[in-house]
Amino acid sequence: MKKYLVIALLVILGLAVAYLTFVIAAIKIIIGSILLGIAAIALLAVWIMWKIDD
């Protein structure tokens, strides 16, 4: 019985670690996408300003 309890605990722990890893990765992807969008808008603004001066 004790062996099954240990195996169940390890499986639950593994699932929790996998879930947390997925959530953290998803948050990093979302933050990266937002920062990439901000960088693209800034680059577009710089390009437009450079075109207006010419």
C-alpha atoms as a PDB file:
ATOM      1  CA  MET A   1       0.000   0.000   0.000  1.00  0.00           C
ATOM      2  CA  LYS A   2       2.804   2.382   0.925  1.00  0.00           C
ATOM      3  CA  LYS A   3       4.495   1.779  -2.438  1.00  0.00           C
ATOM      4  CA  TYR A   4       1.349   2.854  -4.322  1.00  0.00           C
ATOM      5  CA  LEU A   5       1.054   5.963  -2.167  1.00  0.00           C
ATOM      6  CA  VAL A   6       4.628   6.974  -3.010  1.00  0.00           C
ATOM      7  CA  ILE A   7       4.037   6.336  -6.736  1.00  0.00           C
ATOM      8  CA  ALA A   8       0.799   8.365  -6.648  1.00  0.00           C
ATOM      9  CA  LEU A   9       2.592  11.231  -4.866  1.00  0.00           C
ATOM     10  CA  LEU A  10       5.391  11.209  -7.446  1.00  0.00           C
ATOM     11  CA  VAL A  11       2.878  11.218 -10.314  1.00  0.00           C
ATOM     12  CA  ILE A  12       0.956  14.128  -8.757  1.00  0.00           C
ATOM     13  CA  LEU A  13       4.212  16.003  -8.161  1.00  0.00           C
ATOM     14  CA  GLY A  14       5.288  15.385 -11.764  1.00  0.00           C
ATOM     15  CA  LEU A  15       1.957  16.658 -13.095  1.00  0.00           C
ATOM     16  CA  ALA A  16       2.177  19.755 -10.888  1.00  0.00           C
ATOM     17  CA  VAL A  17       5.709  20.522 -12.109  1.00  0.00           C
ATOM     18  CA  ALA A  18       4.645  20.013 -15.753  1.00  0.00           C
ATOM     19  CA  TYR A  19       1.612  22.292 -15.260  1.00  0.00           C
ATOM     20  CA  LEU A  20       3.676  25.029 -13.593  1.00  0.00           C
ATOM     21  CA  THR A  21       6.322  24.787 -16.320  1.00  0.00           C
ATOM     22  CA  PHE A  22       3.609  25.195 -18.970  1.00  0.00           C
ATOM     23  CA  VAL A  23       2.019  28.167 -17.171  1.00  0.00           C
ATOM     24  CA  ILE A  24       5.379  29.936 -16.702  1.00  0.00           C
ATOM     25  CA  ALA A  25       6.281  29.332 -20.359  1.00  0.00           C
ATOM     26  CA  ALA A  26       2.895  30.677 -21.487  1.00  0.00           C
ATOM     27  CA  ILE A  27       3.349  33.826 -19.376  1.00  0.00           C
ATOM     28  CA  LYS A  28       6.839  34.356 -20.826  1.00  0.00           C
ATOM     29  CA  ILE A  29       5.497  33.934 -24.376  1.00  0.00           C
ATOM     30  CA  ILE A  30       2.726  36.474 -23.702  1.00  0.00           C
ATOM     31  CA  ILE A  31       5.176  39.012 -22.222  1.00  0.00           C
ATOM     32  CA  GLY A  32       7.584  38.429 -25.116  1.00  0.00           C
ATOM     33  CA  SER A  33       4.807  38.973 -27.653  1.00  0.00           C
ATOM     34  CA  ILE A  34       3.774  42.234 -25.995  1.00  0.00           C
ATOM     35  CA  LEU A  35       7.380  43.495 -25.911  1.00  0.00           C
ATOM     36  CA  LEU A  36       7.877  42.452 -29.546  1.00  0.00           C
ATOM     37  CA  GLY A  37       4.750  44.386 -30.516  1.00  0.00           C
ATOM     38  CA  ILE A  38       5.973  47.481 -28.653  1.00  0.00           C
ATOM     39  CA  ALA A  39       9.378  47.208 -30.357  1.00  0.00           C
ATOM     40  CA  ALA A  40       7.717  46.866 -33.776  1.00  0.00           C
ATOM     41  CA  ILE A  41       5.556  49.958 -33.167  1.00  0.00           C
ATOM     42  CA  ALA A  42       8.608  51.938 -31.989  1.00  0.00           C
ATOM     43  CA  LEU A  43      10.584  50.845 -35.059  1.00  0.00           C
ATOM     44  CA  LEU A  44       7.688  51.849 -37.302  1.00  0.00           C
ATOM     45  CA  ALA A  45       7.513  55.259 -35.603  1.00  0.00           C
ATOM     46  CA  VAL A  46      11.261  55.796 -36.078  1.00  0.00           C
ATOM     47  CA  TRP A  47      10.980  54.798 -39.742  1.00  0.00           C
ATOM     48  CA  ILE A  48       8.046  57.187 -40.304  1.00  0.00           C
ATOM     49  CA  MET A  49       9.933  60.064 -38.619  1.00  0.00           C
ATOM     50  CA  TRP A  50      12.991  59.315 -40.776  1.00  0.00           C
ATOM     51  CA  LYS A  51      10.838  59.337 -43.937  1.00  0.00           C
ATOM     52  CA  ILE A  52       9.151  62.646 -42.982  1.00  0.00           C
ATOM     53  CA  ASP A  53      12.491  64.435 -42.500  1.00  0.00           C
ATOM     54  CA  ASP A  54      13.620  63.547 -46.027  1.00  0.00           C
END
